[in-house]
Amino acid sequence: MNWHDIFIRDWHLKLIALAFSITLWSFVVGQEKAEIGLSIPLEIINLPPNLVIANDIPSNVEIRVFGPRSIIRNIAAQNLTKVIDLKDASPGKMVIHLAADDFSLPGGVKVLRIKPSIIEIELQPLLRKTVPVRPTLVNKPAPGYEVEKVIVQPLATQISGPAKEVSKIKELVLSPVDLTGARSTFTAIATPNLQKLRISVEGTSKFRVTVYIRPKKGTRKIRHVPVRIFQGPYKVSVWPTEVTVKLCGEIPSLNKLHIEDINVSVNATSLKPGKYVVEPEAKGPPGFECLEIIPKKVQIRVSREKIR
């Protein structure tokens, strides 16, 4: 077969193919070009079960591409993903260099920029262990109240992560429990605070924090409490007629006390006429203790005049 026969045989099919190629070439070369940025997710697969990624790696790779506008538009609509296969990985640091060939792009499209172009992955042995949890309290209860005790349930949980990091963790700090204005015992749900920690919680992740609130103990001086006299057959006078009483008790209840709630008295029923210096007695409502009477002693005068 000579060259003439090669060109003449099936000439109509060859002509159609040539026309199609010219048309396609004209379409690709002749149409308007465009440049866009794409954010391509990174997907890690086949991570060995005994290893864990110990450093921060980007979740996406940003690339800049250039090509025919119609093709570029179609690329933007596709869900492109860059897969990194760690099937044969071992402990240590891996350095992955990204190039234009790593992305499945149609012909005629050029990659202008890849950011980042280098990805480092540090792999460490996976460690699991059980650690206690510690509650965190913020702000203060209502005035006159205090925290008696705090109980957390459960007391511990299991964590996992890079061996170097997990081995350093002695306890997990829980999210803050707000005490603002608390006047009674309450229970809140707290979760582990994992900020800046590259670990996972495999055990319990919600904890019941019960905060026991009780009134504070304190003291209060109540002034101008009248001194009452228990008299016998004779008339009796007392000086001073009013004293100050210092009481101890729960602060919220102390703040509600009034002069009428305190009883200060002297017993002169068995005294004969004359002058005496005595210590009065003070009594308050149940739950309060009298610490001091000021002045400690009062003067009483029993007259010879009898009570009619």
Protein backbone atom coordinates (compact mmCIF):
# COMPACT_ATOMS: atom_id res chain seq x y z
CA MET A 1 0.00 0.00 0.00
CA ASN A 2 1.44 3.35 -1.00
CA TRP A 3 0.96 6.77 0.61
CA HIS A 4 -1.71 7.67 -1.89
CA ASP A 5 -3.85 4.72 -0.87
CA ILE A 6 -3.42 5.58 2.83
CA PHE A 7 -4.85 9.08 2.35
CA ILE A 8 -7.57 8.03 -0.08
CA ARG A 9 -8.90 5.01 1.88
CA ASP A 10 -11.86 5.92 4.15
CA TRP A 11 -11.21 9.52 3.27
CA HIS A 12 -14.66 10.64 4.43
CA LEU A 13 -14.07 9.29 7.98
CA LYS A 14 -10.67 10.93 8.14
CA LEU A 15 -12.18 14.22 7.01
CA ILE A 16 -14.83 14.09 9.75
CA ALA A 17 -12.20 13.31 12.42
CA LEU A 18 -10.03 16.17 11.20
CA ALA A 19 -12.95 18.57 11.27
CA PHE A 20 -13.90 17.47 14.81
CA SER A 21 -10.32 17.91 16.04
CA ILE A 22 -10.08 21.35 14.49
CA THR A 23 -13.42 22.34 16.05
CA LEU A 24 -12.41 21.05 19.49
CA TRP A 25 -9.02 22.75 19.29
CA SER A 26 -10.66 26.00 18.27
CA PHE A 27 -13.14 25.72 21.12
CA VAL A 28 -10.48 25.12 23.76
CA VAL A 29 -7.90 27.55 22.45
CA GLY A 30 -10.23 30.21 21.25
CA GLN A 31 -12.58 30.60 24.21
CA GLU A 32 -12.05 33.07 27.06
CA LYS A 33 -9.66 32.06 29.85
CA ALA A 34 -10.30 32.38 33.60
CA GLU A 35 -8.40 32.04 36.86
CA ILE A 36 -9.98 30.96 40.16
CA GLY A 37 -9.01 29.67 43.57
CA LEU A 38 -10.18 26.29 44.83
CA SER A 39 -10.25 24.93 48.38
CA ILE A 40 -9.74 21.18 48.24
CA PRO A 41 -10.39 19.12 51.42
CA LEU A 42 -7.68 16.80 52.66
CA GLU A 43 -8.81 13.29 53.54
CA ILE A 44 -6.63 10.98 55.63
CA ILE A 45 -7.30 7.28 55.07
CA ASN A 46 -5.94 3.98 56.39
CA LEU A 47 -4.37 5.41 59.55
CA PRO A 48 -2.97 2.38 61.42
CA PRO A 49 -5.03 1.69 64.59
CA ASN A 50 -1.94 1.84 66.82
CA LEU A 51 -0.92 5.31 65.60
CA VAL A 52 -2.32 8.81 65.93
CA ILE A 53 -1.57 12.15 64.25
CA ALA A 54 0.27 14.28 66.82
CA ASN A 55 0.41 17.65 65.03
CA ASP A 56 -1.96 20.08 63.39
CA ILE A 57 -2.42 19.53 59.69
CA PRO A 58 -4.48 21.70 57.32
CA SER A 59 -8.00 20.53 56.57
CA ASN A 60 -7.87 22.02 53.07
CA VAL A 61 -5.36 22.79 50.35
CA GLU A 62 -5.79 26.05 48.47
CA ILE A 63 -4.89 25.91 44.77
CA ARG A 64 -5.01 28.53 42.02
CA VAL A 65 -5.90 27.26 38.55
CA PHE A 66 -6.02 28.81 35.07
CA GLY A 67 -7.81 27.60 31.96
CA PRO A 68 -10.85 27.89 29.67
CA ARG A 69 -13.74 29.52 31.54
CA SER A 70 -16.25 26.72 30.83
CA ILE A 71 -13.89 24.05 32.15
CA ILE A 72 -12.91 26.14 35.15
CA ARG A 73 -16.58 26.64 35.96
CA ASN A 74 -17.18 22.87 35.91
CA ILE A 75 -14.18 22.23 38.17
CA ALA A 76 -15.52 24.62 40.76
CA ALA A 77 -18.79 22.67 40.85
CA GLN A 78 -17.06 19.34 41.46
CA ASN A 79 -16.32 17.98 44.95
CA LEU A 80 -12.59 17.49 44.56
CA THR A 81 -10.70 15.83 47.43
CA LYS A 82 -7.01 15.21 48.03
CA VAL A 83 -6.56 11.79 49.64
CA ILE A 84 -3.50 10.95 51.75
CA ASP A 85 -3.10 7.21 52.28
CA LEU A 86 -1.26 6.23 55.49
CA LYS A 87 -1.59 2.48 54.99
CA ASP A 88 2.13 1.75 55.39
CA ALA A 89 2.92 4.59 57.80
CA SER A 90 5.16 4.13 60.86
CA PRO A 91 5.90 6.32 63.92
CA GLY A 92 7.81 9.48 63.04
CA LYS A 93 7.47 12.47 60.76
CA MET A 94 6.22 12.26 57.17
CA VAL A 95 6.81 15.05 54.64
CA ILE A 96 4.41 15.14 51.68
CA HIS A 97 5.19 17.37 48.69
CA LEU A 98 2.16 18.38 46.67
CA ALA A 99 2.46 18.96 42.92
CA ALA A 100 0.04 19.76 40.11
CA ASP A 101 -0.14 16.08 39.15
CA ASP A 102 -1.60 15.25 42.59
CA PHE A 103 -4.92 16.83 41.60
CA SER A 104 -7.28 15.27 39.07
CA LEU A 105 -7.82 18.20 36.73
CA PRO A 106 -8.97 18.11 33.09
CA GLY A 107 -6.64 18.88 30.20
CA GLY A 108 -6.08 22.51 29.39
CA VAL A 109 -6.16 23.52 33.06
CA LYS A 110 -2.92 24.75 34.62
CA VAL A 111 -2.15 24.85 38.35
CA LEU A 112 -0.56 28.21 39.19
CA ARG A 113 -0.13 27.88 42.95
CA ILE A 114 -0.53 25.29 45.74
CA LYS A 115 -0.76 26.37 49.37
CA PRO A 116 0.58 24.66 51.36
CA SER A 117 2.77 22.75 48.97
CA ILE A 118 4.39 20.75 51.77
CA ILE A 119 2.44 18.88 54.46
CA GLU A 120 4.16 17.45 57.52
CA ILE A 121 2.44 14.67 59.44
CA GLU A 122 3.87 13.52 62.77
CA LEU A 123 2.74 10.07 63.84
CA GLN A 124 3.02 8.80 67.41
CA PRO A 125 1.96 5.60 69.15
CA LEU A 126 -1.60 5.76 70.47
CA LEU A 127 -1.90 5.73 74.28
CA ARG A 128 -5.03 5.19 76.36
CA LYS A 129 -5.37 5.79 80.10
CA THR A 130 -7.86 6.73 82.79
CA VAL A 131 -7.49 10.12 84.46
CA PRO A 132 -9.45 11.89 87.24
CA VAL A 133 -11.48 15.01 86.51
CA ARG A 134 -11.44 18.29 88.43
CA PRO A 135 -14.37 20.72 88.62
CA THR A 136 -13.92 24.45 88.10
CA LEU A 137 -16.04 27.00 89.98
CA VAL A 138 -16.39 30.61 88.86
CA ASN A 139 -17.93 33.68 90.55
CA LYS A 140 -19.40 33.70 94.04
CA PRO A 141 -22.61 32.59 95.78
CA ALA A 142 -25.07 35.15 97.12
CA PRO A 143 -23.76 37.38 99.93
CA GLY A 144 -23.70 35.48 103.22
CA TYR A 145 -23.35 32.04 101.56
CA GLU A 146 -20.34 29.81 100.85
CA VAL A 147 -19.40 26.52 99.20
CA GLU A 148 -19.37 23.66 101.69
CA LYS A 149 -18.16 20.91 99.32
CA VAL A 150 -18.23 19.80 95.68
CA ILE A 151 -18.93 16.25 94.47
CA VAL A 152 -18.28 15.08 90.88
CA GLN A 153 -19.79 11.95 89.35
CA PRO A 154 -18.13 10.01 87.84
CA LEU A 155 -14.70 10.80 89.21
CA ALA A 156 -12.64 9.79 86.15
CA THR A 157 -12.77 9.01 82.43
CA GLN A 158 -10.65 7.37 79.74
CA ILE A 159 -8.68 9.44 77.24
CA SER A 160 -6.57 8.57 74.19
CA GLY A 161 -4.09 10.39 72.00
CA PRO A 162 -0.39 10.78 71.18
CA ALA A 163 1.69 8.93 73.78
CA LYS A 164 3.92 11.93 74.54
CA GLU A 165 0.95 14.16 75.30
CA VAL A 166 -1.30 11.68 77.07
CA SER A 167 1.51 10.58 79.40
CA LYS A 168 1.81 14.16 80.73
CA ILE A 169 -1.88 14.54 81.58
CA LYS A 170 -2.59 13.93 85.28
CA GLU A 171 -6.20 15.14 85.30
CA LEU A 172 -8.84 16.73 83.08
CA VAL A 173 -10.22 20.14 84.01
CA LEU A 174 -13.99 20.45 83.51
CA SER A 175 -15.87 23.40 82.05
CA PRO A 176 -16.69 26.11 84.61
CA VAL A 177 -19.71 25.90 86.91
CA ASP A 178 -21.16 29.35 87.65
CA LEU A 179 -21.97 30.08 91.31
CA THR A 180 -23.41 33.54 90.79
CA GLY A 181 -26.16 34.23 93.32
CA ALA A 182 -26.41 30.63 94.58
CA ARG A 183 -28.24 30.24 97.91
CA SER A 184 -28.78 26.49 97.97
CA THR A 185 -27.23 23.23 96.77
CA PHE A 186 -27.50 22.63 93.01
CA THR A 187 -26.24 20.25 90.29
CA ALA A 188 -24.77 21.22 86.91
CA ILE A 189 -23.50 19.24 83.92
CA ALA A 190 -19.87 19.89 82.95
CA THR A 191 -17.71 18.62 80.09
CA PRO A 192 -13.92 18.27 79.77
CA ASN A 193 -12.05 21.38 78.66
CA LEU A 194 -9.91 20.08 75.77
CA GLN A 195 -8.55 23.39 74.52
CA LYS A 196 -4.95 23.05 73.29
CA LEU A 197 -5.08 19.28 73.92
CA ARG A 198 -4.73 16.82 71.05
CA ILE A 199 -6.62 14.06 72.78
CA SER A 200 -9.97 12.33 72.57
CA VAL A 201 -12.31 11.36 75.41
CA GLU A 202 -13.29 7.74 74.96
CA GLY A 203 -15.06 7.37 78.32
CA THR A 204 -17.68 9.55 79.95
CA SER A 205 -17.80 13.07 78.52
CA LYS A 206 -20.53 14.54 80.75
CA PHE A 207 -20.16 14.89 84.51
CA ARG A 208 -22.62 15.78 87.28
CA VAL A 209 -21.12 18.48 89.47
CA THR A 210 -23.05 18.93 92.72
CA VAL A 211 -22.16 22.10 94.64
CA TYR A 212 -23.26 22.17 98.27
CA ILE A 213 -24.06 25.72 99.39
CA ARG A 214 -24.52 26.72 103.02
CA PRO A 215 -24.96 30.00 104.91
CA LYS A 216 -21.75 31.51 106.24
CA LYS A 217 -21.20 31.81 109.95
CA GLY A 218 -20.68 35.32 111.27
CA THR A 219 -21.22 37.72 114.13
CA ARG A 220 -23.37 40.78 114.62
CA LYS A 221 -23.71 43.41 117.31
CA ILE A 222 -27.24 44.53 118.08
CA ARG A 223 -27.31 47.81 119.97
CA HIS A 224 -29.86 49.45 122.26
CA VAL A 225 -31.27 46.21 123.59
CA PRO A 226 -33.33 47.08 126.72
CA VAL A 227 -32.47 45.39 130.02
CA ARG A 228 -35.49 43.74 131.58
CA ILE A 229 -35.82 43.35 135.33
CA PHE A 230 -37.40 40.50 137.24
CA GLN A 231 -38.42 42.18 140.49
CA GLY A 232 -39.22 40.81 143.91
CA PRO A 233 -41.29 42.70 146.51
CA TYR A 234 -39.20 45.88 146.11
CA LYS A 235 -38.93 48.35 143.28
CA VAL A 236 -35.74 47.97 141.23
CA SER A 237 -33.93 50.29 138.78
CA VAL A 238 -31.05 49.43 136.45
CA TRP A 239 -28.27 51.38 134.74
CA PRO A 240 -27.54 51.39 131.92
CA THR A 241 -31.01 50.62 130.74
CA GLU A 242 -29.77 49.42 127.32
CA VAL A 243 -26.84 47.20 126.29
CA THR A 244 -25.17 45.89 123.13
CA VAL A 245 -25.37 42.15 122.44
CA LYS A 246 -22.88 40.32 120.19
CA LEU A 247 -24.35 37.19 118.57
CA CYS A 248 -22.96 34.38 116.42
CA GLY A 249 -24.96 32.51 113.77
CA GLU A 250 -25.70 32.12 110.08
CA ILE A 251 -25.21 35.46 108.36
CA PRO A 252 -28.49 35.53 106.37
CA SER A 253 -30.45 34.92 109.58
CA LEU A 254 -28.29 37.32 111.58
CA ASN A 255 -29.15 40.07 109.13
CA LYS A 256 -32.87 39.55 109.80
CA LEU A 257 -32.65 39.89 113.58
CA HIS A 258 -34.34 42.79 115.34
CA ILE A 259 -33.97 44.23 118.84
CA GLU A 260 -37.26 42.57 119.81
CA ASP A 261 -35.75 39.15 119.08
CA ILE A 262 -33.14 39.54 121.88
CA ASN A 263 -33.98 39.15 125.56
CA VAL A 264 -31.55 40.67 128.10
CA SER A 265 -32.54 40.45 131.76
CA VAL A 266 -31.39 40.63 135.39
CA ASN A 267 -33.01 38.70 138.23
CA ALA A 268 -33.58 40.81 141.32
CA THR A 269 -36.37 38.74 142.88
CA SER A 270 -34.29 37.64 145.84
CA LEU A 271 -32.36 40.85 146.44
CA LYS A 272 -32.86 43.05 149.47
CA PRO A 273 -32.77 46.85 149.32
CA GLY A 274 -29.33 48.12 148.31
CA LYS A 275 -26.99 48.60 145.35
CA TYR A 276 -25.57 45.73 143.33
CA VAL A 277 -23.38 45.10 140.28
CA VAL A 278 -24.55 42.05 138.35
CA GLU A 279 -24.03 40.33 135.00
CA PRO A 280 -27.20 40.28 132.87
CA GLU A 281 -28.25 37.25 130.87
CA ALA A 282 -28.98 37.36 127.15
CA LYS A 283 -30.99 34.94 125.03
CA GLY A 284 -31.60 34.98 121.29
CA PRO A 285 -33.71 32.86 118.91
CA PRO A 286 -32.79 29.17 118.44
CA GLY A 287 -29.63 28.73 116.37
CA PHE A 288 -27.84 31.78 117.72
CA GLU A 289 -25.16 31.99 120.38
CA CYS A 290 -24.65 35.03 122.61
CA LEU A 291 -20.93 35.81 122.64
CA GLU A 292 -20.81 39.03 124.63
CA ILE A 293 -22.88 41.69 126.43
CA ILE A 294 -21.50 45.22 126.44
CA PRO A 295 -21.11 46.34 129.16
CA LYS A 296 -20.52 43.01 130.80
CA LYS A 297 -22.05 44.19 134.11
CA VAL A 298 -24.86 46.59 135.04
CA GLN A 299 -25.73 48.37 138.26
CA ILE A 300 -29.07 47.79 139.94
CA ARG A 301 -30.65 49.59 142.87
CA VAL A 302 -33.23 47.90 145.03
CA SER A 303 -35.24 50.53 146.89
CA ARG A 304 -36.96 50.10 150.20
CA GLU A 305 -40.24 50.96 148.55
CA LYS A 306 -42.29 47.92 148.01
CA ILE A 307 -44.39 47.25 144.97
CA ARG A 308 -48.04 47.67 145.70
